[in-house]
């Protein structure tokens, strides 16, 4: 207590000056509307800046929850579009032919992604408990990334399109010619489309999509665009280089595609093969 008293005595002139300055400012602001308005504006600016800064921090830490909410909303919208008979995926990269489909969508997130090997796989945080099964197609909002190969209770392993064992039905958006989508193990941004007949009319920049000739992917899901093409040795089919819409080195959120008619289709296929 004595130290406080000594401090006040030593600095009595400075403290008196600060007190008088404070009182003069208060009286000036209260008695002049101009000064009062300026003071209020300054206070609002400071407090507004502080609240804005606080809100920005809250928004930043809330991005994960916001992204998940948007992903769930997109999942719901995709399923509604499918029920309404609109093409299952509608982005600028995808076909927009309208038809009723048996396909539904479930969102997930990539937790491991290989792309530097010959046979690459993707691990996703959804499994059997989420009704994920083998042979489900996997896409992003830009296009396909692979097919479910194995599932555990909580996870799924996907054969990436960057895998030497991957074979996916694909073809030209502008026609019905199609072939098999494969990967030569070189550039993770470029895949190959084989066995497209030489009668097909091609040009660089043409869009390649899934053609719906399997139970895995519906027609119209984007894959990429043609960057080059040539005839094979027998001059019967084209070998086409396709630049992917997806950046396969940077995949985050995905969608699983479920075909509710797959059991019925496989039963009919089994009968026809007897």
C-alpha atoms as a PDB file:
ATOM      1  CA  UNK A   1       0.000   0.000   0.000  1.00  0.00           C
ATOM      2  CA  UNK A   2       2.848   2.357   0.876  1.00  0.00           C
ATOM      3  CA  UNK A   3       4.385   1.764  -2.562  1.00  0.00           C
ATOM      4  CA  UNK A   4       1.156   2.852  -4.225  1.00  0.00           C
ATOM      5  CA  UNK A   5       1.043   6.024  -2.131  1.00  0.00           C
ATOM      6  CA  UNK A   6       4.677   6.788  -2.953  1.00  0.00           C
ATOM      7  CA  UNK A   7       3.964   6.242  -6.665  1.00  0.00           C
ATOM      8  CA  UNK A   8       1.033   8.691  -6.565  1.00  0.00           C
ATOM      9  CA  UNK A   9       3.112  11.311  -4.744  1.00  0.00           C
ATOM     10  CA  UNK A  10       6.027  10.985  -7.195  1.00  0.00           C
ATOM     11  CA  UNK A  11       3.788  11.265 -10.242  1.00  0.00           C
ATOM     12  CA  UNK A  12       1.111  13.615  -8.909  1.00  0.00           C
ATOM     13  CA  UNK A  13       1.730  16.283 -11.568  1.00  0.00           C
ATOM     14  CA  UNK A  14       1.564  13.821 -14.491  1.00  0.00           C
ATOM     15  CA  UNK A  15      -1.492  12.085 -13.078  1.00  0.00           C
ATOM     16  CA  UNK A  16      -3.230  15.406 -12.498  1.00  0.00           C
ATOM     17  CA  UNK A  17      -2.482  16.443 -16.075  1.00  0.00           C
ATOM     18  CA  UNK A  18      -3.917  13.152 -17.448  1.00  0.00           C
ATOM     19  CA  UNK A  19      -7.047  13.513 -15.288  1.00  0.00           C
ATOM     20  CA  UNK A  20      -7.639  17.077 -16.463  1.00  0.00           C
ATOM     21  CA  UNK A  21      -7.029  16.042 -20.099  1.00  0.00           C
ATOM     22  CA  UNK A  22      -9.527  13.218 -19.779  1.00  0.00           C
ATOM     23  CA  UNK A  23     -12.173  15.496 -18.223  1.00  0.00           C
ATOM     24  CA  UNK A  24     -11.651  18.142 -20.902  1.00  0.00           C
ATOM     25  CA  UNK A  25     -12.121  15.535 -23.633  1.00  0.00           C
ATOM     26  CA  UNK A  26     -15.296  14.252 -22.000  1.00  0.00           C
ATOM     27  CA  UNK A  27     -16.766  17.744 -21.679  1.00  0.00           C
ATOM     28  CA  UNK A  28     -15.770  18.598 -25.259  1.00  0.00           C
ATOM     29  CA  UNK A  29     -17.364  15.470 -26.703  1.00  0.00           C
ATOM     30  CA  UNK A  30     -20.572  15.920 -24.692  1.00  0.00           C
ATOM     31  CA  UNK A  31     -20.976  19.583 -25.554  1.00  0.00           C
ATOM     32  CA  UNK A  32     -20.207  19.387 -29.294  1.00  0.00           C
ATOM     33  CA  UNK A  33     -22.236  17.131 -31.576  1.00  0.00           C
ATOM     34  CA  UNK A  34     -19.483  17.015 -34.212  1.00  0.00           C
ATOM     35  CA  UNK A  35     -16.862  15.739 -31.771  1.00  0.00           C
ATOM     36  CA  UNK A  36     -19.388  13.302 -30.302  1.00  0.00           C
ATOM     37  CA  UNK A  37     -20.205  11.848 -33.716  1.00  0.00           C
ATOM     38  CA  UNK A  38     -16.513  11.451 -34.516  1.00  0.00           C
ATOM     39  CA  UNK A  39     -15.893   9.662 -31.213  1.00  0.00           C
ATOM     40  CA  UNK A  40     -18.799   7.270 -31.776  1.00  0.00           C
ATOM     41  CA  UNK A  41     -17.606   6.564 -35.320  1.00  0.00           C
ATOM     42  CA  UNK A  42     -14.105   5.815 -34.097  1.00  0.00           C
ATOM     43  CA  UNK A  43     -15.447   3.504 -31.392  1.00  0.00           C
ATOM     44  CA  UNK A  44     -17.606   1.662 -33.911  1.00  0.00           C
ATOM     45  CA  UNK A  45     -14.651   1.303 -36.259  1.00  0.00           C
ATOM     46  CA  UNK A  46     -12.451  -0.217 -33.559  1.00  0.00           C
ATOM     47  CA  UNK A  47     -15.121  -2.523 -32.145  1.00  0.00           C
ATOM     48  CA  UNK A  48     -16.254  -3.470 -35.650  1.00  0.00           C
ATOM     49  CA  UNK A  49     -12.716  -4.364 -36.602  1.00  0.00           C
ATOM     50  CA  UNK A  50     -12.341  -6.492 -33.487  1.00  0.00           C
ATOM     51  CA  UNK A  51     -15.610  -8.334 -34.110  1.00  0.00           C
ATOM     52  CA  UNK A  52     -14.716  -8.793 -37.756  1.00  0.00           C
ATOM     53  CA  UNK A  53     -11.349 -10.248 -36.806  1.00  0.00           C
ATOM     54  CA  UNK A  54     -13.011 -12.534 -34.262  1.00  0.00           C
ATOM     55  CA  UNK A  55     -15.594 -13.627 -36.841  1.00  0.00           C
ATOM     56  CA  UNK A  56     -12.873 -14.355 -39.412  1.00  0.00           C
ATOM     57  CA  UNK A  57     -11.081 -16.596 -36.942  1.00  0.00           C
ATOM     58  CA  UNK A  58     -14.341 -18.401 -36.133  1.00  0.00           C
ATOM     59  CA  UNK A  59     -15.065 -18.840 -39.835  1.00  0.00           C
ATOM     60  CA  UNK A  60     -11.602 -20.271 -40.442  1.00  0.00           C
ATOM     61  CA  UNK A  61     -11.895 -22.882 -37.709  1.00  0.00           C
ATOM     62  CA  UNK A  62     -15.423 -23.669 -38.876  1.00  0.00           C
ATOM     63  CA  UNK A  63     -14.404 -24.448 -42.472  1.00  0.00           C
ATOM     64  CA  UNK A  64     -14.197 -28.189 -41.835  1.00  0.00           C
ATOM     65  CA  UNK A  65     -17.765 -28.333 -40.527  1.00  0.00           C
ATOM     66  CA  UNK A  66     -18.971 -26.066 -43.325  1.00  0.00           C
ATOM     67  CA  UNK A  67     -17.322 -28.249 -45.989  1.00  0.00           C
ATOM     68  CA  UNK A  68     -18.941 -31.339 -44.492  1.00  0.00           C
ATOM     69  CA  UNK A  69     -22.338 -29.639 -44.470  1.00  0.00           C
ATOM     70  CA  UNK A  70     -21.968 -28.663 -48.131  1.00  0.00           C
ATOM     71  CA  UNK A  71     -20.842 -32.182 -49.020  1.00  0.00           C
ATOM     72  CA  UNK A  72     -23.907 -33.692 -47.352  1.00  0.00           C
ATOM     73  CA  UNK A  73     -26.116 -31.177 -49.119  1.00  0.00           C
ATOM     74  CA  UNK A  74     -24.551 -32.072 -52.486  1.00  0.00           C
ATOM     75  CA  UNK A  75     -25.108 -35.745 -51.738  1.00  0.00           C
ATOM     76  CA  UNK A  76     -28.768 -35.051 -51.062  1.00  0.00           C
ATOM     77  CA  UNK A  77     -29.132 -32.953 -54.233  1.00  0.00           C
ATOM     78  CA  UNK A  78     -27.480 -35.605 -56.402  1.00  0.00           C
ATOM     79  CA  UNK A  79     -29.887 -38.216 -55.075  1.00  0.00           C
ATOM     80  CA  UNK A  80     -32.846 -35.922 -55.705  1.00  0.00           C
ATOM     81  CA  UNK A  81     -31.693 -35.289 -59.287  1.00  0.00           C
ATOM     82  CA  UNK A  82     -31.410 -39.017 -59.826  1.00  0.00           C
ATOM     83  CA  UNK A  83     -34.947 -39.593 -58.539  1.00  0.00           C
ATOM     84  CA  UNK A  84     -36.253 -36.837 -60.807  1.00  0.00           C
ATOM     85  CA  UNK A  85     -34.656 -38.445 -63.834  1.00  0.00           C
ATOM     86  CA  UNK A  86     -32.003 -35.772 -64.317  1.00  0.00           C
ATOM     87  CA  UNK A  87     -28.519 -36.884 -65.266  1.00  0.00           C
ATOM     88  CA  UNK A  88     -26.769 -38.201 -62.168  1.00  0.00           C
ATOM     89  CA  UNK A  89     -23.969 -35.644 -62.165  1.00  0.00           C
ATOM     90  CA  UNK A  90     -24.378 -32.183 -63.639  1.00  0.00           C
ATOM     91  CA  UNK A  91     -21.277 -30.052 -63.957  1.00  0.00           C
ATOM     92  CA  UNK A  92     -19.761 -28.266 -66.919  1.00  0.00           C
ATOM     93  CA  UNK A  93     -17.584 -31.331 -67.552  1.00  0.00           C
ATOM     94  CA  UNK A  94     -20.421 -33.843 -67.587  1.00  0.00           C
ATOM     95  CA  UNK A  95     -23.062 -34.982 -70.037  1.00  0.00           C
ATOM     96  CA  UNK A  96     -26.500 -33.453 -69.519  1.00  0.00           C
ATOM     97  CA  UNK A  97     -28.795 -36.045 -71.136  1.00  0.00           C
ATOM     98  CA  UNK A  98     -31.838 -36.505 -68.886  1.00  0.00           C
ATOM     99  CA  UNK A  99     -32.983 -40.000 -67.960  1.00  0.00           C
ATOM    100  CA  UNK A 100     -34.272 -41.848 -64.922  1.00  0.00           C
ATOM    101  CA  UNK A 101     -31.515 -43.699 -63.122  1.00  0.00           C
ATOM    102  CA  UNK A 102     -31.233 -46.262 -60.308  1.00  0.00           C
ATOM    103  CA  UNK A 103     -28.096 -44.563 -58.991  1.00  0.00           C
ATOM    104  CA  UNK A 104     -27.685 -42.990 -55.552  1.00  0.00           C
ATOM    105  CA  UNK A 105     -24.697 -41.218 -54.002  1.00  0.00           C
ATOM    106  CA  UNK A 106     -22.852 -41.378 -50.679  1.00  0.00           C
ATOM    107  CA  UNK A 107     -20.158 -38.888 -49.717  1.00  0.00           C
ATOM    108  CA  UNK A 108     -16.753 -39.792 -48.281  1.00  0.00           C
ATOM    109  CA  UNK A 109     -13.249 -38.429 -47.790  1.00  0.00           C
ATOM    110  CA  UNK A 110      -9.903 -39.665 -49.090  1.00  0.00           C
ATOM    111  CA  UNK A 111      -7.425 -40.429 -46.304  1.00  0.00           C
ATOM    112  CA  UNK A 112      -4.672 -41.924 -48.461  1.00  0.00           C
ATOM    113  CA  UNK A 113      -4.005 -41.512 -52.170  1.00  0.00           C
ATOM    114  CA  UNK A 114      -1.270 -43.221 -54.201  1.00  0.00           C
ATOM    115  CA  UNK A 115      -0.388 -41.901 -57.652  1.00  0.00           C
ATOM    116  CA  UNK A 116       3.345 -42.527 -58.160  1.00  0.00           C
ATOM    117  CA  UNK A 117       3.287 -46.307 -58.611  1.00  0.00           C
ATOM    118  CA  UNK A 118       2.186 -48.551 -61.467  1.00  0.00           C
ATOM    119  CA  UNK A 119      -0.726 -49.937 -59.424  1.00  0.00           C
ATOM    120  CA  UNK A 120      -2.211 -47.185 -57.283  1.00  0.00           C
ATOM    121  CA  UNK A 121      -4.956 -47.382 -54.667  1.00  0.00           C
ATOM    122  CA  UNK A 122      -7.058 -44.869 -52.738  1.00  0.00           C
ATOM    123  CA  UNK A 123      -8.216 -45.328 -49.127  1.00  0.00           C
ATOM    124  CA  UNK A 124     -11.524 -43.729 -48.121  1.00  0.00           C
ATOM    125  CA  UNK A 125     -13.105 -43.226 -44.699  1.00  0.00           C
ATOM    126  CA  UNK A 126     -16.336 -45.126 -45.403  1.00  0.00           C
ATOM    127  CA  UNK A 127     -16.913 -48.889 -45.266  1.00  0.00           C
ATOM    128  CA  UNK A 128     -19.437 -51.659 -44.664  1.00  0.00           C
ATOM    129  CA  UNK A 129     -21.177 -49.826 -41.830  1.00  0.00           C
ATOM    130  CA  UNK A 130     -21.941 -47.066 -44.357  1.00  0.00           C
ATOM    131  CA  UNK A 131     -23.351 -49.602 -46.867  1.00  0.00           C
ATOM    132  CA  UNK A 132     -20.278 -49.361 -49.104  1.00  0.00           C
ATOM    133  CA  UNK A 133     -19.634 -52.555 -51.073  1.00  0.00           C
ATOM    134  CA  UNK A 134     -17.239 -53.744 -53.761  1.00  0.00           C
ATOM    135  CA  UNK A 135     -17.690 -52.609 -57.365  1.00  0.00           C
ATOM    136  CA  UNK A 136     -19.136 -49.242 -56.426  1.00  0.00           C
ATOM    137  CA  UNK A 137     -17.968 -46.415 -58.653  1.00  0.00           C
ATOM    138  CA  UNK A 138     -16.136 -43.493 -57.028  1.00  0.00           C
ATOM    139  CA  UNK A 139     -16.183 -39.939 -58.377  1.00  0.00           C
ATOM    140  CA  UNK A 140     -15.535 -36.327 -57.417  1.00  0.00           C
ATOM    141  CA  UNK A 141     -17.496 -33.305 -58.584  1.00  0.00           C
ATOM    142  CA  UNK A 142     -15.166 -33.252 -61.611  1.00  0.00           C
ATOM    143  CA  UNK A 143     -15.249 -36.892 -62.699  1.00  0.00           C
ATOM    144  CA  UNK A 144     -14.315 -40.505 -61.994  1.00  0.00           C
ATOM    145  CA  UNK A 145     -11.405 -41.647 -59.841  1.00  0.00           C
ATOM    146  CA  UNK A 146     -11.870 -45.411 -59.506  1.00  0.00           C
ATOM    147  CA  UNK A 147     -13.862 -48.450 -58.341  1.00  0.00           C
ATOM    148  CA  UNK A 148     -14.201 -49.957 -54.854  1.00  0.00           C
ATOM    149  CA  UNK A 149     -12.133 -53.150 -54.614  1.00  0.00           C
ATOM    150  CA  UNK A 150     -12.295 -54.041 -50.896  1.00  0.00           C
ATOM    151  CA  UNK A 151     -14.156 -52.850 -47.798  1.00  0.00           C
ATOM    152  CA  UNK A 152     -13.727 -53.185 -44.055  1.00  0.00           C
ATOM    153  CA  UNK A 153     -16.076 -51.986 -41.346  1.00  0.00           C
ATOM    154  CA  UNK A 154     -14.931 -48.359 -41.549  1.00  0.00           C
ATOM    155  CA  UNK A 155     -12.850 -48.050 -44.721  1.00  0.00           C
ATOM    156  CA  UNK A 156     -12.794 -48.799 -48.440  1.00  0.00           C
ATOM    157  CA  UNK A 157      -9.911 -49.475 -50.786  1.00  0.00           C
ATOM    158  CA  UNK A 158     -10.428 -48.163 -54.303  1.00  0.00           C
ATOM    159  CA  UNK A 159      -8.612 -49.215 -57.459  1.00  0.00           C
ATOM    160  CA  UNK A 160      -7.530 -45.875 -58.854  1.00  0.00           C
ATOM    161  CA  UNK A 161      -7.853 -45.186 -62.566  1.00  0.00           C
ATOM    162  CA  UNK A 162      -4.058 -44.832 -62.239  1.00  0.00           C
ATOM    163  CA  UNK A 163      -3.707 -48.609 -61.944  1.00  0.00           C
ATOM    164  CA  UNK A 164      -2.516 -51.051 -64.607  1.00  0.00           C
ATOM    165  CA  UNK A 165      -5.439 -53.368 -63.738  1.00  0.00           C
ATOM    166  CA  UNK A 166      -8.086 -50.686 -64.167  1.00  0.00           C
ATOM    167  CA  UNK A 167     -10.478 -51.095 -67.115  1.00  0.00           C
ATOM    168  CA  UNK A 168     -13.394 -48.698 -67.338  1.00  0.00           C
ATOM    169  CA  UNK A 169     -15.949 -48.331 -70.082  1.00  0.00           C
ATOM    170  CA  UNK A 170     -15.672 -44.858 -71.612  1.00  0.00           C
ATOM    171  CA  UNK A 171     -16.230 -43.077 -74.882  1.00  0.00           C
ATOM    172  CA  UNK A 172     -16.972 -39.879 -76.754  1.00  0.00           C
ATOM    173  CA  UNK A 173     -19.560 -37.504 -75.400  1.00  0.00           C
ATOM    174  CA  UNK A 174     -20.663 -36.500 -78.885  1.00  0.00           C
ATOM    175  CA  UNK A 175     -21.223 -40.030 -80.235  1.00  0.00           C
ATOM    176  CA  UNK A 176     -21.836 -43.641 -79.203  1.00  0.00           C
ATOM    177  CA  UNK A 177     -18.302 -44.879 -79.955  1.00  0.00           C
ATOM    178  CA  UNK A 178     -16.593 -46.214 -76.861  1.00  0.00           C
ATOM    179  CA  UNK A 179     -13.634 -48.256 -75.645  1.00  0.00           C
ATOM    180  CA  UNK A 180     -11.649 -49.165 -72.520  1.00  0.00           C
ATOM    181  CA  UNK A 181     -10.012 -46.573 -70.301  1.00  0.00           C
ATOM    182  CA  UNK A 182      -6.554 -47.712 -69.129  1.00  0.00           C
ATOM    183  CA  UNK A 183      -3.336 -46.174 -67.804  1.00  0.00           C
ATOM    184  CA  UNK A 184       0.180 -46.707 -69.161  1.00  0.00           C
ATOM    185  CA  UNK A 185       1.856 -45.884 -65.838  1.00  0.00           C
ATOM    186  CA  UNK A 186       3.529 -42.669 -66.976  1.00  0.00           C
ATOM    187  CA  UNK A 187       1.782 -39.330 -66.434  1.00  0.00           C
ATOM    188  CA  UNK A 188      -0.804 -39.214 -63.572  1.00  0.00           C
ATOM    189  CA  UNK A 189      -2.681 -36.524 -65.491  1.00  0.00           C
ATOM    190  CA  UNK A 190      -3.017 -38.558 -68.711  1.00  0.00           C
ATOM    191  CA  UNK A 191      -4.877 -41.848 -69.237  1.00  0.00           C
ATOM    192  CA  UNK A 192      -5.464 -43.833 -72.427  1.00  0.00           C
ATOM    193  CA  UNK A 193      -8.668 -44.803 -74.186  1.00  0.00           C
ATOM    194  CA  UNK A 194      -8.231 -47.977 -76.275  1.00  0.00           C
ATOM    195  CA  UNK A 195     -10.255 -49.851 -78.921  1.00  0.00           C
ATOM    196  CA  UNK A 196     -12.261 -46.896 -80.179  1.00  0.00           C
ATOM    197  CA  UNK A 197     -13.101 -47.869 -83.789  1.00  0.00           C
ATOM    198  CA  UNK A 198     -11.417 -45.975 -86.610  1.00  0.00           C
ATOM    199  CA  UNK A 199     -14.818 -44.857 -87.882  1.00  0.00           C
ATOM    200  CA  UNK A 200     -15.034 -42.467 -84.925  1.00  0.00           C
ATOM    201  CA  UNK A 201     -14.611 -38.782 -85.739  1.00  0.00           C
ATOM    202  CA  UNK A 202     -12.118 -37.300 -83.289  1.00  0.00           C
ATOM    203  CA  UNK A 203     -10.516 -33.970 -82.575  1.00  0.00           C
ATOM    204  CA  UNK A 204      -8.382 -32.553 -79.811  1.00  0.00           C
ATOM    205  CA  UNK A 205     -10.446 -31.147 -76.971  1.00  0.00           C
ATOM    206  CA  UNK A 206     -13.337 -33.603 -77.392  1.00  0.00           C
ATOM    207  CA  UNK A 207     -14.852 -34.659 -74.077  1.00  0.00           C
ATOM    208  CA  UNK A 208     -14.576 -38.268 -72.872  1.00  0.00           C
ATOM    209  CA  UNK A 209     -17.282 -39.578 -70.520  1.00  0.00           C
ATOM    210  CA  UNK A 210     -18.508 -42.836 -69.024  1.00  0.00           C
ATOM    211  CA  UNK A 211     -20.870 -44.507 -71.479  1.00  0.00           C
ATOM    212  CA  UNK A 212     -23.120 -46.373 -69.062  1.00  0.00           C
ATOM    213  CA  UNK A 213     -22.403 -49.787 -70.587  1.00  0.00           C
ATOM    214  CA  UNK A 214     -21.687 -51.321 -67.186  1.00  0.00           C
ATOM    215  CA  UNK A 215     -23.427 -51.547 -63.822  1.00  0.00           C
ATOM    216  CA  UNK A 216     -20.834 -49.329 -62.130  1.00  0.00           C
ATOM    217  CA  UNK A 217     -21.059 -45.853 -63.659  1.00  0.00           C
ATOM    218  CA  UNK A 218     -24.061 -44.174 -65.304  1.00  0.00           C
ATOM    219  CA  UNK A 219     -23.596 -42.499 -68.646  1.00  0.00           C
ATOM    220  CA  UNK A 220     -22.348 -38.948 -68.597  1.00  0.00           C
ATOM    221  CA  UNK A 221     -19.762 -38.773 -65.841  1.00  0.00           C
ATOM    222  CA  UNK A 222     -16.785 -36.716 -66.941  1.00  0.00           C
ATOM    223  CA  UNK A 223     -13.338 -38.193 -67.441  1.00  0.00           C
ATOM    224  CA  UNK A 224     -11.292 -35.713 -69.448  1.00  0.00           C
ATOM    225  CA  UNK A 225     -10.509 -34.299 -72.883  1.00  0.00           C
ATOM    226  CA  UNK A 226      -8.559 -35.660 -75.850  1.00  0.00           C
ATOM    227  CA  UNK A 227      -5.008 -34.318 -76.116  1.00  0.00           C
ATOM    228  CA  UNK A 228      -3.743 -36.653 -78.867  1.00  0.00           C
ATOM    229  CA  UNK A 229      -4.717 -39.807 -80.796  1.00  0.00           C
ATOM    230  CA  UNK A 230      -3.387 -42.262 -83.357  1.00  0.00           C
ATOM    231  CA  UNK A 231      -4.381 -45.536 -85.022  1.00  0.00           C
ATOM    232  CA  UNK A 232      -2.968 -48.807 -83.697  1.00  0.00           C
ATOM    233  CA  UNK A 233      -0.642 -51.068 -85.692  1.00  0.00           C
ATOM    234  CA  UNK A 234      -3.530 -52.794 -87.465  1.00  0.00           C
ATOM    235  CA  UNK A 235      -5.135 -49.454 -88.365  1.00  0.00           C
ATOM    236  CA  UNK A 236      -8.413 -50.679 -86.867  1.00  0.00           C
ATOM    237  CA  UNK A 237      -8.693 -48.806 -83.584  1.00  0.00           C
ATOM    238  CA  UNK A 238      -7.588 -45.521 -82.078  1.00  0.00           C
ATOM    239  CA  UNK A 239      -5.303 -45.143 -79.099  1.00  0.00           C
ATOM    240  CA  UNK A 240      -6.305 -41.880 -77.456  1.00  0.00           C
ATOM    241  CA  UNK A 241      -4.513 -39.853 -74.772  1.00  0.00           C
ATOM    242  CA  UNK A 242      -6.999 -38.233 -72.384  1.00  0.00           C
ATOM    243  CA  UNK A 243      -6.147 -35.419 -69.987  1.00  0.00           C
ATOM    244  CA  UNK A 244      -8.132 -35.953 -66.808  1.00  0.00           C
ATOM    245  CA  UNK A 245     -10.525 -33.398 -65.359  1.00  0.00           C
ATOM    246  CA  UNK A 246      -9.449 -34.533 -61.885  1.00  0.00           C
ATOM    247  CA  UNK A 247      -6.039 -33.721 -60.480  1.00  0.00           C
ATOM    248  CA  UNK A 248      -5.308 -37.251 -59.252  1.00  0.00           C
ATOM    249  CA  UNK A 249      -2.547 -35.949 -56.976  1.00  0.00           C
ATOM    250  CA  UNK A 250      -4.997 -33.764 -55.036  1.00  0.00           C
ATOM    251  CA  UNK A 251      -8.242 -35.552 -54.161  1.00  0.00           C
ATOM    252  CA  UNK A 252     -10.265 -34.721 -51.057  1.00  0.00           C
ATOM    253  CA  UNK A 253     -14.005 -35.331 -50.904  1.00  0.00           C
ATOM    254  CA  UNK A 254     -15.587 -38.018 -53.082  1.00  0.00           C
ATOM    255  CA  UNK A 255     -18.899 -39.717 -53.820  1.00  0.00           C
ATOM    256  CA  UNK A 256     -19.646 -43.434 -53.967  1.00  0.00           C
ATOM    257  CA  UNK A 257     -22.176 -44.469 -56.620  1.00  0.00           C
ATOM    258  CA  UNK A 258     -24.649 -47.249 -55.815  1.00  0.00           C
ATOM    259  CA  UNK A 259     -26.673 -48.981 -58.539  1.00  0.00           C
ATOM    260  CA  UNK A 260     -29.849 -50.366 -56.955  1.00  0.00           C
ATOM    261  CA  UNK A 261     -30.477 -52.564 -60.038  1.00  0.00           C
ATOM    262  CA  UNK A 262     -27.096 -54.305 -60.004  1.00  0.00           C
ATOM    263  CA  UNK A 263     -28.398 -57.535 -58.439  1.00  0.00           C
ATOM    264  CA  UNK A 264     -31.159 -57.890 -61.025  1.00  0.00           C
ATOM    265  CA  UNK A 265     -28.765 -57.186 -63.898  1.00  0.00           C
ATOM    266  CA  UNK A 266     -26.214 -59.737 -62.676  1.00  0.00           C
ATOM    267  CA  UNK A 267     -28.928 -62.375 -62.314  1.00  0.00           C
ATOM    268  CA  UNK A 268     -29.945 -61.853 -65.940  1.00  0.00           C
ATOM    269  CA  UNK A 269     -26.309 -61.954 -67.043  1.00  0.00           C
ATOM    270  CA  UNK A 270     -25.816 -65.238 -65.193  1.00  0.00           C
ATOM    271  CA  UNK A 271     -28.844 -66.758 -66.951  1.00  0.00           C
ATOM    272  CA  UNK A 272     -27.584 -65.670 -70.361  1.00  0.00           C
ATOM    273  CA  UNK A 273     -24.172 -67.232 -69.680  1.00  0.00           C
ATOM    274  CA  UNK A 274     -25.590 -70.685 -68.817  1.00  0.00           C
END
